[in-house]
Amino acid sequence: MENYHIPIKKGLQKDVLYRGLKAKYIMYCLYLGVAAILFGLVLSTFVPMLLALMLIVITIAVAFLILLFYSRTYGANGFVKKLADASKPDRIKIVHPFENLLLWKNR
């Protein structure tokens, strides 16, 4: 049998990157952008259109900068891991002390 040489593309194992945002942050940015546009459309019924447009642009820019900070600080999956670490309990409450267990009474 002959040896086959299969070239591997250099970007194969790299994270998805778009304008500095990595992986999941791209989807977060899209979701927040759509939400900001919908908020601006609702807001434009109450305030002048130019003011609503300025608020939309500022909201999208701030959301992008915040997500860019998290993307560079925590990496592609680090933000999700940070949220998981924050949801862990600080301590565990022991209802029954170990001395009351049958295993410990005979010793």
N, C-alpha and C. Protein backbone atom coordinates (compact mmCIF):
# COMPACT_ATOMS: atom_id res chain seq x y z
N MET A 1 0.82 -1.18 0.00
CA MET A 1 0.00 0.00 0.00
C MET A 1 0.87 1.25 0.00
N GLU A 2 0.44 2.23 -0.69
CA GLU A 2 1.21 3.46 -0.77
C GLU A 2 0.89 4.36 0.42
N ASN A 3 1.86 5.17 0.79
CA ASN A 3 1.63 6.17 1.84
C ASN A 3 0.97 7.38 1.23
N TYR A 4 -0.14 7.77 1.79
CA TYR A 4 -0.85 8.95 1.31
C TYR A 4 -0.55 10.12 2.23
N HIS A 5 -0.29 11.25 1.63
CA HIS A 5 -0.01 12.47 2.39
C HIS A 5 -1.23 13.38 2.30
N ILE A 6 -1.88 13.61 3.42
CA ILE A 6 -3.06 14.47 3.46
C ILE A 6 -2.67 15.77 4.16
N PRO A 7 -2.70 16.87 3.44
CA PRO A 7 -2.33 18.15 4.07
C PRO A 7 -3.42 18.63 5.02
N ILE A 8 -3.02 19.16 6.17
CA ILE A 8 -3.95 19.72 7.15
C ILE A 8 -3.88 21.22 7.07
N LYS A 9 -5.02 21.85 6.93
CA LYS A 9 -5.05 23.30 6.85
C LYS A 9 -4.65 23.91 8.18
N LYS A 10 -3.93 25.02 8.13
CA LYS A 10 -3.38 25.61 9.34
C LYS A 10 -4.44 26.13 10.29
N GLY A 11 -5.57 26.59 9.80
CA GLY A 11 -6.59 27.16 10.65
C GLY A 11 -7.59 26.15 11.18
N LEU A 12 -7.28 24.88 11.07
CA LEU A 12 -8.25 23.85 11.42
C LEU A 12 -8.59 23.82 12.91
N GLN A 13 -7.61 23.95 13.78
CA GLN A 13 -7.83 23.84 15.21
C GLN A 13 -7.98 25.19 15.91
N LYS A 14 -8.06 26.25 15.15
CA LYS A 14 -8.16 27.57 15.75
C LYS A 14 -9.61 27.94 16.03
N ASP A 15 -9.80 28.86 16.96
CA ASP A 15 -11.14 29.32 17.31
C ASP A 15 -11.73 30.16 16.18
N VAL A 16 -13.05 30.20 16.13
CA VAL A 16 -13.73 31.07 15.19
C VAL A 16 -13.53 32.49 15.68
N LEU A 17 -13.12 33.38 14.80
CA LEU A 17 -12.80 34.74 15.20
C LEU A 17 -13.41 35.70 14.20
N TYR A 18 -14.14 36.69 14.70
CA TYR A 18 -14.72 37.72 13.84
C TYR A 18 -14.61 39.06 14.55
N ARG A 19 -13.81 39.94 14.01
CA ARG A 19 -13.59 41.29 14.55
C ARG A 19 -13.19 41.26 16.03
N GLY A 20 -12.42 40.28 16.43
CA GLY A 20 -11.94 40.19 17.80
C GLY A 20 -12.81 39.37 18.72
N LEU A 21 -14.02 39.03 18.29
CA LEU A 21 -14.91 38.20 19.11
C LEU A 21 -14.66 36.73 18.81
N LYS A 22 -14.59 35.93 19.85
CA LYS A 22 -14.34 34.51 19.68
C LYS A 22 -15.62 33.71 19.89
N ALA A 23 -15.82 32.71 19.08
CA ALA A 23 -16.83 31.66 19.19
C ALA A 23 -18.21 32.14 19.61
N LYS A 24 -18.60 31.85 20.85
CA LYS A 24 -19.97 32.11 21.32
C LYS A 24 -20.28 33.59 21.44
N TYR A 25 -19.26 34.41 21.58
CA TYR A 25 -19.48 35.84 21.73
C TYR A 25 -20.06 36.45 20.46
N ILE A 26 -19.82 35.83 19.32
CA ILE A 26 -20.39 36.32 18.07
C ILE A 26 -21.91 36.20 18.13
N MET A 27 -22.40 35.07 18.62
CA MET A 27 -23.85 34.88 18.73
C MET A 27 -24.44 35.81 19.78
N TYR A 28 -23.74 35.99 20.90
CA TYR A 28 -24.22 36.93 21.92
C TYR A 28 -24.34 38.33 21.34
N CYS A 29 -23.36 38.72 20.53
CA CYS A 29 -23.37 40.05 19.93
C CYS A 29 -24.54 40.19 18.96
N LEU A 30 -24.81 39.15 18.18
CA LEU A 30 -25.96 39.20 17.27
C LEU A 30 -27.27 39.30 18.03
N TYR A 31 -27.41 38.52 19.08
CA TYR A 31 -28.64 38.57 19.89
C TYR A 31 -28.85 39.95 20.51
N LEU A 32 -27.78 40.49 21.09
CA LEU A 32 -27.89 41.81 21.71
C LEU A 32 -28.12 42.90 20.68
N GLY A 33 -27.56 42.75 19.49
CA GLY A 33 -27.79 43.72 18.42
C GLY A 33 -29.24 43.73 17.95
N VAL A 34 -29.81 42.54 17.77
CA VAL A 34 -31.23 42.45 17.38
C VAL A 34 -32.12 43.01 18.48
N ALA A 35 -31.79 42.69 19.74
CA ALA A 35 -32.58 43.22 20.85
C ALA A 35 -32.50 44.74 20.92
N ALA A 36 -31.31 45.30 20.67
CA ALA A 36 -31.15 46.76 20.68
C ALA A 36 -31.94 47.40 19.56
N ILE A 37 -31.97 46.78 18.39
CA ILE A 37 -32.74 47.34 17.26
C ILE A 37 -34.23 47.30 17.57
N LEU A 38 -34.70 46.18 18.13
CA LEU A 38 -36.12 46.11 18.50
C LEU A 38 -36.46 47.12 19.59
N PHE A 39 -35.57 47.28 20.55
CA PHE A 39 -35.77 48.29 21.59
C PHE A 39 -35.84 49.69 20.99
N GLY A 40 -34.98 49.95 20.01
CA GLY A 40 -34.99 51.26 19.35
C GLY A 40 -36.25 51.50 18.55
N LEU A 41 -36.78 50.46 17.92
CA LEU A 41 -38.03 50.62 17.17
C LEU A 41 -39.19 50.94 18.10
N VAL A 42 -39.23 50.27 19.24
CA VAL A 42 -40.28 50.57 20.22
C VAL A 42 -40.07 51.96 20.80
N LEU A 43 -38.84 52.30 21.07
CA LEU A 43 -38.52 53.60 21.65
C LEU A 43 -38.82 54.75 20.68
N SER A 44 -38.72 54.48 19.38
CA SER A 44 -38.94 55.54 18.40
C SER A 44 -40.40 55.99 18.33
N THR A 45 -41.29 55.25 18.92
CA THR A 45 -42.69 55.69 18.97
C THR A 45 -42.89 56.75 20.05
N PHE A 46 -41.97 56.83 21.00
CA PHE A 46 -42.12 57.77 22.11
C PHE A 46 -41.19 58.98 22.00
N VAL A 47 -40.02 58.80 21.42
CA VAL A 47 -39.04 59.88 21.30
C VAL A 47 -38.74 60.10 19.82
N PRO A 48 -38.10 61.19 19.46
CA PRO A 48 -37.76 61.42 18.04
C PRO A 48 -36.85 60.31 17.49
N MET A 49 -36.99 60.09 16.20
CA MET A 49 -36.28 59.00 15.53
C MET A 49 -34.75 59.14 15.63
N LEU A 50 -34.25 60.36 15.53
CA LEU A 50 -32.81 60.57 15.61
C LEU A 50 -32.26 60.19 16.98
N LEU A 51 -32.99 60.53 18.04
CA LEU A 51 -32.57 60.16 19.39
C LEU A 51 -32.60 58.64 19.58
N ALA A 52 -33.63 58.00 19.05
CA ALA A 52 -33.73 56.54 19.14
C ALA A 52 -32.59 55.88 18.37
N LEU A 53 -32.24 56.42 17.20
CA LEU A 53 -31.15 55.87 16.42
C LEU A 53 -29.81 56.02 17.15
N MET A 54 -29.61 57.16 17.79
CA MET A 54 -28.38 57.35 18.57
C MET A 54 -28.31 56.37 19.73
N LEU A 55 -29.43 56.14 20.40
CA LEU A 55 -29.45 55.18 21.51
C LEU A 55 -29.18 53.76 21.02
N ILE A 56 -29.70 53.40 19.84
CA ILE A 56 -29.43 52.08 19.28
C ILE A 56 -27.94 51.90 19.01
N VAL A 57 -27.35 52.90 18.37
CA VAL A 57 -25.92 52.80 18.02
C VAL A 57 -25.07 52.74 19.27
N ILE A 58 -25.38 53.54 20.27
CA ILE A 58 -24.61 53.53 21.52
C ILE A 58 -24.77 52.19 22.24
N THR A 59 -25.99 51.66 22.27
CA THR A 59 -26.24 50.37 22.94
C THR A 59 -25.48 49.24 22.25
N ILE A 60 -25.51 49.21 20.93
CA ILE A 60 -24.80 48.16 20.19
C ILE A 60 -23.29 48.29 20.39
N ALA A 61 -22.78 49.52 20.38
CA ALA A 61 -21.34 49.72 20.57
C ALA A 61 -20.90 49.30 21.97
N VAL A 62 -21.68 49.65 22.98
CA VAL A 62 -21.34 49.26 24.36
C VAL A 62 -21.40 47.74 24.52
N ALA A 63 -22.43 47.11 23.95
CA ALA A 63 -22.54 45.65 24.04
C ALA A 63 -21.36 44.98 23.34
N PHE A 64 -20.97 45.50 22.18
CA PHE A 64 -19.83 44.93 21.45
C PHE A 64 -18.54 45.08 22.25
N LEU A 65 -18.34 46.24 22.86
CA LEU A 65 -17.11 46.45 23.63
C LEU A 65 -17.06 45.58 24.88
N ILE A 66 -18.20 45.40 25.53
CA ILE A 66 -18.25 44.52 26.71
C ILE A 66 -17.95 43.08 26.30
N LEU A 67 -18.58 42.61 25.21
CA LEU A 67 -18.32 41.25 24.74
C LEU A 67 -16.89 41.08 24.25
N LEU A 68 -16.33 42.12 23.66
CA LEU A 68 -14.93 42.06 23.23
C LEU A 68 -14.00 41.93 24.43
N PHE A 69 -14.32 42.65 25.51
CA PHE A 69 -13.53 42.53 26.75
C PHE A 69 -13.60 41.11 27.29
N TYR A 70 -14.82 40.53 27.38
CA TYR A 70 -14.95 39.17 27.89
C TYR A 70 -14.28 38.17 26.95
N SER A 71 -14.35 38.40 25.65
CA SER A 71 -13.73 37.49 24.69
C SER A 71 -12.22 37.47 24.86
N ARG A 72 -11.63 38.63 25.05
CA ARG A 72 -10.17 38.68 25.20
C ARG A 72 -9.72 38.24 26.59
N THR A 73 -10.56 38.47 27.61
CA THR A 73 -10.18 38.12 28.97
C THR A 73 -10.33 36.63 29.24
N TYR A 74 -11.47 36.05 28.85
CA TYR A 74 -11.77 34.67 29.23
C TYR A 74 -11.64 33.67 28.09
N GLY A 75 -11.42 34.10 26.87
CA GLY A 75 -11.28 33.17 25.76
C GLY A 75 -12.63 32.71 25.23
N ALA A 76 -12.59 31.66 24.40
CA ALA A 76 -13.79 31.21 23.70
C ALA A 76 -14.86 30.66 24.65
N ASN A 77 -14.47 29.84 25.61
CA ASN A 77 -15.44 29.22 26.50
C ASN A 77 -15.27 29.66 27.95
N GLY A 78 -14.39 30.59 28.21
CA GLY A 78 -14.09 30.98 29.58
C GLY A 78 -15.22 31.70 30.28
N PHE A 79 -16.02 32.46 29.53
CA PHE A 79 -17.12 33.19 30.14
C PHE A 79 -18.17 32.23 30.69
N VAL A 80 -18.45 31.17 29.95
CA VAL A 80 -19.41 30.17 30.41
C VAL A 80 -18.86 29.45 31.64
N LYS A 81 -17.56 29.18 31.65
CA LYS A 81 -16.94 28.54 32.81
C LYS A 81 -16.97 29.47 34.02
N LYS A 82 -16.78 30.76 33.78
CA LYS A 82 -16.83 31.75 34.86
C LYS A 82 -18.24 31.81 35.46
N LEU A 83 -19.26 31.76 34.61
CA LEU A 83 -20.64 31.76 35.11
C LEU A 83 -20.93 30.48 35.89
N ALA A 84 -20.39 29.35 35.44
CA ALA A 84 -20.59 28.09 36.16
C ALA A 84 -19.89 28.12 37.51
N ASP A 85 -18.69 28.70 37.57
CA ASP A 85 -17.98 28.82 38.85
C ASP A 85 -18.72 29.74 39.81
N ALA A 86 -19.33 30.78 39.28
CA ALA A 86 -20.05 31.72 40.14
C ALA A 86 -21.32 31.10 40.71
N SER A 87 -21.88 30.11 40.02
CA SER A 87 -23.12 29.50 40.50
C SER A 87 -22.88 28.36 41.50
N LYS A 88 -21.61 27.98 41.72
CA LYS A 88 -21.32 26.93 42.71
C LYS A 88 -21.54 27.47 44.11
N PRO A 89 -21.99 26.63 45.03
CA PRO A 89 -22.17 27.10 46.40
C PRO A 89 -20.83 27.34 47.10
N ASP A 90 -20.84 28.27 48.05
CA ASP A 90 -19.62 28.57 48.79
C ASP A 90 -19.32 27.52 49.85
N ARG A 91 -20.35 27.02 50.48
CA ARG A 91 -20.18 26.00 51.52
C ARG A 91 -21.30 24.97 51.44
N ILE A 92 -21.06 23.86 52.09
CA ILE A 92 -22.05 22.78 52.13
C ILE A 92 -22.55 22.67 53.55
N LYS A 93 -23.86 22.65 53.71
CA LYS A 93 -24.45 22.54 55.04
C LYS A 93 -24.59 21.06 55.40
N ILE A 94 -24.03 20.68 56.54
CA ILE A 94 -24.14 19.30 57.01
C ILE A 94 -25.25 19.26 58.05
N VAL A 95 -26.30 18.52 57.73
CA VAL A 95 -27.46 18.44 58.61
C VAL A 95 -27.17 17.54 59.79
N HIS A 96 -26.56 16.39 59.54
CA HIS A 96 -26.24 15.43 60.59
C HIS A 96 -24.73 15.36 60.72
N PRO A 97 -24.19 15.61 61.90
CA PRO A 97 -22.73 15.51 62.05
C PRO A 97 -22.28 14.05 61.91
N PHE A 98 -21.02 13.86 61.59
CA PHE A 98 -20.50 12.52 61.35
C PHE A 98 -20.49 11.66 62.60
N GLU A 99 -20.48 12.26 63.78
CA GLU A 99 -20.43 11.47 65.01
C GLU A 99 -21.70 10.66 65.20
N ASN A 100 -22.79 11.05 64.61
CA ASN A 100 -24.06 10.35 64.79
C ASN A 100 -24.22 9.16 63.84
N LEU A 101 -23.30 8.96 62.95
CA LEU A 101 -23.40 7.83 62.03
C LEU A 101 -23.08 6.54 62.77
N LEU A 102 -23.73 5.45 62.39
CA LEU A 102 -23.51 4.16 63.04
C LEU A 102 -22.07 3.69 62.90
N LEU A 103 -21.43 4.06 61.84
CA LEU A 103 -20.06 3.65 61.60
C LEU A 103 -19.12 4.16 62.67
N TRP A 104 -19.38 5.33 63.19
CA TRP A 104 -18.49 5.96 64.15
C TRP A 104 -18.83 5.64 65.62
N LYS A 105 -19.98 5.09 65.91
CA LYS A 105 -20.40 4.90 67.29
C LYS A 105 -19.62 3.80 68.00
N ASN A 106 -19.17 2.76 67.29
CA ASN A 106 -18.48 1.66 67.92
C ASN A 106 -17.01 1.95 68.16
N ARG A 107 -16.51 3.04 67.73
CA ARG A 107 -15.07 3.31 67.86
C ARG A 107 -14.80 4.29 68.92
